[in-house]
Each structure stands twice: as structure tokens, then as C-alpha cells.
Amino acid sequence: MPYTPHIEHHFTGGLVVRDTVIGLSDGLTVP
């Protein structure tokens, strides 16, 4: 099952990117 870990890793990366984008947006909106 090499597909499950790949999806999990991709999903985790997406969460990290989304969290980073939210953090940057919050930092720009509220200095």
C-alpha cells in the first residue's frame, strides 16, 4: 500500500501550507 502514506504525506503538507498562509494573512491583517 504505497498509496496510503503518499496521500497522508500530501495531506499533511497541504495542512502545513494552509496553516502558513493563514498565519501570514493574519500577520498582515493584524500587525
PDB file of N, CA and C in Angstrom:
ATOM      1  N   MET A   1       0.841  -1.210   0.000  1.00  0.00           N
ATOM      2  CA  MET A   1       0.000   0.000   0.000  1.00  0.00           C
ATOM      3  C   MET A   1       0.878   1.263   0.000  1.00  0.00           C
ATOM      4  N   PRO A   2       1.538   1.541  -1.096  1.00  0.00           N
ATOM      5  CA  PRO A   2       2.387   2.742  -1.133  1.00  0.00           C
ATOM      6  C   PRO A   2       1.568   4.001  -1.354  1.00  0.00           C
ATOM      7  N   TYR A   3       0.286   3.822  -1.647  1.00  0.00           N
ATOM      8  CA  TYR A   3      -0.543   4.988  -1.960  1.00  0.00           C
ATOM      9  C   TYR A   3      -1.040   5.690  -0.704  1.00  0.00           C
ATOM     10  N   THR A   4      -1.323   4.897   0.357  1.00  0.00           N
ATOM     11  CA  THR A   4      -1.845   5.491   1.588  1.00  0.00           C
ATOM     12  C   THR A   4      -0.865   6.484   2.213  1.00  0.00           C
ATOM     13  N   PRO A   5       0.408   6.088   2.411  1.00  0.00           N
ATOM     14  CA  PRO A   5       1.359   7.029   3.009  1.00  0.00           C
ATOM     15  C   PRO A   5       1.553   8.270   2.138  1.00  0.00           C
ATOM     16  N   HIS A   6       1.492   8.073   0.821  1.00  0.00           N
ATOM     17  CA  HIS A   6       1.679   9.202  -0.087  1.00  0.00           C
ATOM     18  C   HIS A   6       0.562  10.220   0.105  1.00  0.00           C
ATOM     19  N   ILE A   7      -0.669   9.730   0.192  1.00  0.00           N
ATOM     20  CA  ILE A   7      -1.816  10.618   0.375  1.00  0.00           C
ATOM     21  C   ILE A   7      -1.712  11.315   1.733  1.00  0.00           C
ATOM     22  N   GLU A   8      -1.331  10.547   2.754  1.00  0.00           N
ATOM     23  CA  GLU A   8      -1.231  11.123   4.096  1.00  0.00           C
ATOM     24  C   GLU A   8      -0.171  12.225   4.113  1.00  0.00           C
ATOM     25  N   HIS A   9       0.980  11.945   3.471  1.00  0.00           N
ATOM     26  CA  HIS A   9       2.055  12.930   3.436  1.00  0.00           C
ATOM     27  C   HIS A   9       1.595  14.184   2.686  1.00  0.00           C
ATOM     28  N   HIS A  10       0.924  13.983   1.561  1.00  0.00           N
ATOM     29  CA  HIS A  10       0.448  15.113   0.768  1.00  0.00           C
ATOM     30  C   HIS A  10      -0.576  15.914   1.559  1.00  0.00           C
ATOM     31  N   PHE A  11      -1.454  15.206   2.274  1.00  0.00           N
ATOM     32  CA  PHE A  11      -2.487  15.878   3.061  1.00  0.00           C
ATOM     33  C   PHE A  11      -1.840  16.713   4.159  1.00  0.00           C
ATOM     34  N   THR A  12      -0.828  16.139   4.815  1.00  0.00           N
ATOM     35  CA  THR A  12      -0.137  16.856   5.891  1.00  0.00           C
ATOM     36  C   THR A  12       0.540  18.105   5.332  1.00  0.00           C
ATOM     37  N   GLY A  13       1.184  17.969   4.183  1.00  0.00           N
ATOM     38  CA  GLY A  13       1.846  19.114   3.570  1.00  0.00           C
ATOM     39  C   GLY A  13       0.835  20.203   3.258  1.00  0.00           C
ATOM     40  N   GLY A  14      -0.338  19.804   2.782  1.00  0.00           N
ATOM     41  CA  GLY A  14      -1.382  20.775   2.468  1.00  0.00           C
ATOM     42  C   GLY A  14      -1.809  21.518   3.724  1.00  0.00           C
ATOM     43  N   LEU A  15      -1.908  20.803   4.829  1.00  0.00           N
ATOM     44  CA  LEU A  15      -2.316  21.438   6.083  1.00  0.00           C
ATOM     45  C   LEU A  15      -1.262  22.441   6.530  1.00  0.00           C
ATOM     46  N   VAL A  16       0.002  22.061   6.390  1.00  0.00           N
ATOM     47  CA  VAL A  16       1.088  22.962   6.797  1.00  0.00           C
ATOM     48  C   VAL A  16       1.059  24.226   5.953  1.00  0.00           C
ATOM     49  N   VAL A  17       0.895  24.058   4.640  1.00  0.00           N
ATOM     50  CA  VAL A  17       0.859  25.211   3.741  1.00  0.00           C
ATOM     51  C   VAL A  17      -0.337  26.091   4.077  1.00  0.00           C
ATOM     52  N   ARG A  18      -1.484  25.459   4.306  1.00  0.00           N
ATOM     53  CA  ARG A  18      -2.685  26.233   4.623  1.00  0.00           C
ATOM     54  C   ARG A  18      -2.501  26.993   5.937  1.00  0.00           C
ATOM     55  N   ASP A  19      -1.922  26.325   6.939  1.00  0.00           N
ATOM     56  CA  ASP A  19      -1.690  26.976   8.229  1.00  0.00           C
ATOM     57  C   ASP A  19      -0.730  28.150   8.061  1.00  0.00           C
ATOM     58  N   THR A  20       0.287  27.964   7.208  1.00  0.00           N
ATOM     59  CA  THR A  20       1.252  29.040   6.969  1.00  0.00           C
ATOM     60  C   THR A  20       0.572  30.222   6.288  1.00  0.00           C
ATOM     61  N   VAL A  21      -0.257  29.945   5.300  1.00  0.00           N
ATOM     62  CA  VAL A  21      -0.963  31.011   4.584  1.00  0.00           C
ATOM     63  C   VAL A  21      -1.868  31.768   5.548  1.00  0.00           C
ATOM     64  N   ILE A  22      -2.584  31.035   6.395  1.00  0.00           N
ATOM     65  CA  ILE A  22      -3.474  31.674   7.371  1.00  0.00           C
ATOM     66  C   ILE A  22      -2.645  32.535   8.328  1.00  0.00           C
ATOM     67  N   GLY A  23      -1.494  32.014   8.764  1.00  0.00           N
ATOM     68  CA  GLY A  23      -0.635  32.766   9.686  1.00  0.00           C
ATOM     69  C   GLY A  23      -0.119  34.037   9.027  1.00  0.00           C
ATOM     70  N   LEU A  24       0.300  33.950   7.754  1.00  0.00           N
ATOM     71  CA  LEU A  24       0.794  35.130   7.056  1.00  0.00           C
ATOM     72  C   LEU A  24      -0.333  36.138   6.864  1.00  0.00           C
ATOM     73  N   SER A  25      -1.513  35.673   6.496  1.00  0.00           N
ATOM     74  CA  SER A  25      -2.652  36.564   6.290  1.00  0.00           C
ATOM     75  C   SER A  25      -3.012  37.261   7.595  1.00  0.00           C
ATOM     76  N   ASP A  26      -3.015  36.503   8.694  1.00  0.00           N
ATOM     77  CA  ASP A  26      -3.351  37.076   9.992  1.00  0.00           C
ATOM     78  C   ASP A  26      -2.291  38.102  10.394  1.00  0.00           C
ATOM     79  N   GLY A  27      -1.027  37.797  10.113  1.00  0.00           N
ATOM     80  CA  GLY A  27       0.060  38.714  10.456  1.00  0.00           C
ATOM     81  C   GLY A  27      -0.032  39.994   9.630  1.00  0.00           C
ATOM     82  N   LEU A  28      -0.414  39.876   8.353  1.00  0.00           N
ATOM     83  CA  LEU A  28      -0.534  41.059   7.506  1.00  0.00           C
ATOM     84  C   LEU A  28      -1.769  41.867   7.885  1.00  0.00           C
ATOM     85  N   THR A  29      -2.854  41.166   8.231  1.00  0.00           N
ATOM     86  CA  THR A  29      -4.092  41.862   8.587  1.00  0.00           C
ATOM     87  C   THR A  29      -3.960  42.533   9.949  1.00  0.00           C
ATOM     88  N   VAL A  30      -3.352  41.803  10.903  1.00  0.00           N
ATOM     89  CA  VAL A  30      -3.206  42.351  12.262  1.00  0.00           C
ATOM     90  C   VAL A  30      -1.728  42.410  12.615  1.00  0.00           C
ATOM     91  N   PRO A  31      -1.077  43.519  12.334  1.00  0.00           N
ATOM     92  CA  PRO A  31       0.359  43.651  12.573  1.00  0.00           C
ATOM     93  C   PRO A  31       0.709  43.659  14.069  1.00  0.00           C
TER      94      PRO A  31
END
